[in-house]
Amino acid sequence: QVQLVESGGGWVQPGGSLRLSCAASGSSFTLYALGWYRQAPGKQRELVAIHTSGGRINYGDFVKGRVTISRGMADNTVWIIMKNLQPEDTAVYYCNAVPTSEASDDYWGQGTQVTVSS
């Protein structure tokens, strides 16, 4: 059973930056994919960024160069640095893990709140 622990959320002013980190435990191998999604009130959960063990990276359509994802393969960690945050980036951000490329199930963290306001 993979467990995900997120950290780094909080309040930031418009134009500011945040780093969100996630550490996965419970897996004896390098997880196939680790990434981040977000969900704003009244909206569907959407992809922020995801990073596979093979080095493939996908960003959500809204990112527009404002997010960089990185991961530690040896210790199953993943983090994102978000820049030029705007009020519309306010959401709960969730860490996501996909164990293998053939996995039918994935795992979610509890989420960390990011609030962007002046």
Protein backbone atom coordinates (compact mmCIF):
# COMPACT_ATOMS: atom_id res chain seq x y z
CA GLN A 1 0.00 0.00 0.00
CA VAL A 2 1.53 3.27 -1.13
CA GLN A 3 1.14 6.22 1.18
CA LEU A 4 1.73 9.79 0.10
CA VAL A 5 2.60 12.67 2.40
CA GLU A 6 2.41 16.19 1.01
CA SER A 7 3.94 19.37 2.35
CA GLY A 8 4.48 22.96 1.34
CA GLY A 9 1.02 24.41 0.86
CA GLY A 10 -0.13 27.66 2.35
CA TRP A 11 -0.94 31.25 1.56
CA VAL A 12 0.91 33.33 -1.00
CA GLN A 13 0.35 36.72 -2.57
CA PRO A 14 -0.35 37.02 -6.31
CA GLY A 15 2.88 36.78 -8.24
CA GLY A 16 4.50 34.68 -5.55
CA SER A 17 5.96 31.19 -5.66
CA LEU A 18 5.50 27.96 -3.75
CA ARG A 19 7.16 24.58 -3.63
CA LEU A 20 5.02 21.51 -2.95
CA SER A 21 6.70 18.27 -1.98
CA CYS A 22 5.44 14.71 -1.76
CA ALA A 23 7.08 11.65 -0.28
CA ALA A 24 5.82 8.16 -1.12
CA SER A 25 6.28 5.23 1.19
CA GLY A 26 5.22 1.60 1.12
CA SER A 27 6.76 0.71 -2.22
CA SER A 28 9.90 -1.37 -2.61
CA PHE A 29 10.43 -0.24 -6.19
CA THR A 30 10.56 3.02 -8.12
CA LEU A 31 7.01 4.11 -8.78
CA TYR A 32 6.08 4.43 -12.44
CA ALA A 33 4.58 7.90 -12.14
CA LEU A 34 4.41 10.59 -9.50
CA GLY A 35 2.65 13.85 -9.97
CA TRP A 36 0.31 16.56 -8.82
CA TYR A 37 -3.32 17.40 -9.48
CA ARG A 38 -5.45 20.19 -8.13
CA GLN A 39 -9.11 20.78 -7.41
CA ALA A 40 -10.66 24.19 -6.92
CA PRO A 41 -14.09 24.60 -5.28
CA GLY A 42 -16.83 23.63 -7.69
CA LYS A 43 -14.40 22.39 -10.33
CA GLN A 44 -13.11 19.02 -11.45
CA ARG A 45 -9.73 17.76 -10.43
CA GLU A 46 -7.14 18.60 -13.08
CA LEU A 47 -3.58 17.68 -13.86
CA VAL A 48 -0.82 20.03 -12.74
CA ALA A 49 2.19 17.92 -13.68
CA ILE A 50 3.26 14.30 -13.77
CA HIS A 51 6.68 12.71 -14.08
CA THR A 52 7.25 9.08 -15.08
CA SER A 53 10.23 6.97 -14.06
CA GLY A 54 11.28 6.97 -17.70
CA GLY A 55 11.61 10.74 -17.66
CA ARG A 56 8.43 11.68 -19.48
CA ILE A 57 6.80 14.84 -18.12
CA ASN A 58 3.34 16.18 -18.81
CA TYR A 59 1.98 19.51 -17.65
CA GLY A 60 -1.59 20.67 -17.41
CA ASP A 61 -2.84 23.03 -20.09
CA PHE A 62 -3.10 25.93 -17.67
CA VAL A 63 0.54 25.73 -16.54
CA LYS A 64 2.04 27.87 -19.32
CA GLY A 65 5.60 27.53 -18.10
CA ARG A 66 4.84 28.48 -14.51
CA VAL A 67 5.41 25.03 -13.01
CA THR A 68 8.48 22.82 -12.89
CA ILE A 69 8.25 19.23 -11.69
CA SER A 70 11.15 17.17 -10.39
CA ARG A 71 11.43 13.81 -8.72
CA GLY A 72 13.86 11.69 -6.81
CA MET A 73 13.85 8.21 -8.30
CA ALA A 74 15.70 6.50 -5.48
CA ASP A 75 13.40 7.67 -2.72
CA ASN A 76 10.10 8.12 -4.58
CA THR A 77 9.76 11.82 -3.95
CA VAL A 78 8.30 14.45 -6.22
CA TRP A 79 8.05 18.20 -5.96
CA ILE A 80 6.78 21.10 -7.98
CA ILE A 81 7.81 24.72 -7.97
CA MET A 82 5.00 27.04 -8.99
CA LYS A 83 5.78 30.61 -9.97
CA ASN A 84 3.69 33.69 -10.67
CA LEU A 85 0.77 32.28 -8.76
CA GLN A 86 -2.60 33.93 -9.28
CA PRO A 87 -5.88 33.79 -7.37
CA GLU A 88 -7.22 31.27 -9.88
CA ASP A 89 -4.49 28.88 -8.72
CA THR A 90 -6.20 28.63 -5.36
CA ALA A 91 -7.08 24.97 -4.87
CA VAL A 92 -6.32 21.84 -2.95
CA TYR A 93 -3.28 20.21 -4.49
CA TYR A 94 -3.03 16.42 -4.41
CA CYS A 95 -0.06 14.16 -4.88
CA ASN A 96 -0.70 11.15 -7.11
CA ALA A 97 1.21 7.90 -7.58
CA VAL A 98 0.82 5.24 -10.26
CA PRO A 99 2.71 2.10 -9.21
CA THR A 100 3.37 0.55 -12.63
CA SER A 101 2.56 1.33 -16.25
CA GLU A 102 -0.05 -1.47 -16.19
CA ALA A 103 -1.60 -0.49 -12.88
CA SER A 104 -5.36 -0.09 -12.79
CA ASP A 105 -5.29 1.67 -9.44
CA ASP A 106 -3.46 4.72 -8.32
CA TYR A 107 -2.92 6.42 -4.98
CA TRP A 108 -3.70 9.88 -3.66
CA GLY A 109 -2.41 12.02 -0.87
CA GLN A 110 -4.74 13.87 1.46
CA GLY A 111 -4.15 17.17 -0.28
CA THR A 112 -2.59 20.45 0.69
CA GLN A 113 -4.36 23.79 0.43
CA VAL A 114 -2.83 26.56 -1.66
CA THR A 115 -4.44 29.97 -1.32
CA VAL A 116 -3.40 32.90 -3.50
CA SER A 117 -4.75 36.23 -2.39
CA SER A 118 -3.69 39.72 -1.50
